[in-house]
Amino acid sequence: PGFSQSGEIRIHVSPEIESMVAEHQRINKEEGVLAGYRIQIFASPVLAKARDIKAVFQMGYPDLAAEVVLEEPDFKVVIGNYLDRFDAHHDLQRMLPQYPGAFLVRQLVAVSDL
């Protein structure tokens, strides 16, 4: 009935795994990209529609970078370059009234754009 339980969780990571993760991060930095987040506001197989959405977005949010990317079969409009999910979520909340279908996506982001 009314009992409480406390405990401790320990995660042990082998040195080989830590080394692999460090190497992955080093390669990504050398290549100029890191794993991060963007906000997707639109997807369509029609490039002209994606370009129009991007143009309208940039008028309303000149402080945020917007890009049209091709992910077969769609052209997608993605916003921002975030390393932190919380920063991305903050901007997502700002644009949800105008873009109710917007959502966060994990993508590689250019280090130069951060």
Protein backbone atom coordinates (compact mmCIF):
# COMPACT_ATOMS: atom_id res chain seq x y z
CA PRO A 1 0.00 0.00 0.00
CA GLY A 2 2.01 3.04 1.09
CA PHE A 3 5.70 2.35 0.71
CA SER A 4 8.44 4.44 -0.75
CA GLN A 5 11.36 3.19 -2.66
CA SER A 6 14.63 4.93 -3.30
CA GLY A 7 17.55 3.75 -5.27
CA GLU A 8 20.54 4.64 -7.28
CA ILE A 9 21.17 4.06 -10.92
CA ARG A 10 24.72 3.73 -12.11
CA ILE A 11 25.68 3.68 -15.72
CA HIS A 12 29.04 2.21 -16.55
CA VAL A 13 30.39 3.06 -19.98
CA SER A 14 33.37 1.18 -21.26
CA PRO A 15 36.43 3.22 -22.26
CA GLU A 16 36.02 1.89 -25.82
CA ILE A 17 32.55 3.45 -26.11
CA GLU A 18 33.76 6.76 -24.66
CA SER A 19 36.62 6.71 -27.16
CA MET A 20 34.26 6.03 -30.07
CA VAL A 21 31.96 8.90 -29.04
CA ALA A 22 34.92 11.27 -28.70
CA GLU A 23 36.20 10.26 -32.14
CA HIS A 24 32.75 10.78 -33.66
CA GLN A 25 32.57 14.28 -32.17
CA ARG A 26 36.09 15.11 -33.39
CA ILE A 27 35.27 14.03 -36.95
CA ASN A 28 32.03 16.02 -36.96
CA LYS A 29 33.84 19.14 -35.77
CA GLU A 30 36.48 18.72 -38.47
CA GLU A 31 33.75 18.29 -41.08
CA GLY A 32 32.05 21.40 -39.71
CA VAL A 33 28.83 19.75 -38.52
CA LEU A 34 27.39 18.62 -35.21
CA ALA A 35 24.25 16.76 -34.27
CA GLY A 36 21.57 19.26 -33.41
CA TYR A 37 18.01 20.35 -34.01
CA ARG A 38 15.99 22.32 -36.49
CA ILE A 39 12.32 23.16 -36.71
CA GLN A 40 10.44 21.84 -39.72
CA ILE A 41 7.51 24.02 -40.74
CA PHE A 42 6.62 22.63 -44.17
CA ALA A 43 7.12 19.72 -46.57
CA SER A 44 5.99 19.32 -50.17
CA PRO A 45 7.17 17.61 -53.34
CA VAL A 46 6.76 21.01 -55.06
CA LEU A 47 9.88 23.19 -54.77
CA ALA A 48 8.03 26.43 -55.60
CA LYS A 49 5.65 25.92 -52.64
CA ALA A 50 8.57 25.35 -50.27
CA ARG A 51 10.31 28.49 -51.54
CA ASP A 52 7.12 30.52 -51.06
CA ILE A 53 6.71 29.27 -47.48
CA LYS A 54 10.35 30.10 -46.75
CA ALA A 55 9.95 33.65 -48.13
CA VAL A 56 6.81 34.28 -46.06
CA PHE A 57 8.50 32.86 -42.97
CA GLN A 58 11.54 35.10 -43.37
CA MET A 59 9.33 38.19 -43.55
CA GLY A 60 7.68 37.27 -40.25
CA TYR A 61 10.81 36.00 -38.48
CA PRO A 62 13.82 37.88 -39.88
CA ASP A 63 15.91 36.87 -36.84
CA LEU A 64 15.74 33.14 -37.69
CA ALA A 65 17.57 31.35 -40.49
CA ALA A 66 15.37 29.38 -42.88
CA GLU A 67 16.44 26.85 -45.48
CA VAL A 68 14.80 24.63 -48.09
CA VAL A 69 16.30 21.14 -47.99
CA LEU A 70 15.58 18.17 -50.21
CA GLU A 71 14.78 14.94 -48.42
CA GLU A 72 13.34 12.72 -51.13
CA PRO A 73 10.60 12.96 -52.13
CA ASP A 74 9.91 16.29 -50.38
CA PHE A 75 11.34 19.76 -50.18
CA LYS A 76 11.26 20.78 -46.54
CA VAL A 77 11.49 24.19 -44.94
CA VAL A 78 13.60 23.98 -41.80
CA ILE A 79 14.36 26.75 -39.37
CA GLY A 80 17.34 27.52 -37.18
CA ASN A 81 20.43 25.65 -36.09
CA TYR A 82 20.31 24.49 -32.49
CA LEU A 83 22.59 22.29 -30.44
CA ASP A 84 20.23 22.42 -27.50
CA ARG A 85 16.72 20.97 -27.70
CA PHE A 86 15.43 23.52 -25.19
CA ASP A 87 16.53 26.48 -27.34
CA ALA A 88 14.87 24.88 -30.35
CA HIS A 89 11.70 24.23 -28.36
CA HIS A 90 11.56 27.89 -27.26
CA ASP A 91 11.55 29.07 -30.89
CA LEU A 92 9.10 26.33 -31.84
CA GLN A 93 6.62 27.71 -29.29
CA ARG A 94 6.98 31.17 -30.87
CA MET A 95 5.98 29.93 -34.32
CA LEU A 96 3.30 27.35 -33.48
CA PRO A 97 0.45 29.92 -33.69
CA GLN A 98 1.33 30.64 -37.33
CA TYR A 99 2.71 27.16 -38.18
CA PRO A 100 0.66 24.71 -36.09
CA GLY A 101 2.18 21.68 -37.82
CA ALA A 102 5.76 22.68 -36.99
CA PHE A 103 7.92 20.20 -35.08
CA LEU A 104 11.52 19.57 -34.02
CA VAL A 105 13.78 17.41 -36.16
CA ARG A 106 17.24 16.08 -35.39
CA GLN A 107 19.68 17.08 -38.09
CA LEU A 108 23.32 17.83 -38.55
CA VAL A 109 23.86 21.56 -38.22
CA ALA A 110 26.79 23.52 -39.58
CA VAL A 111 29.18 24.69 -36.88
CA SER A 112 29.62 27.94 -38.80
CA ASP A 113 25.89 28.64 -38.43
CA LEU A 114 25.87 28.39 -34.64
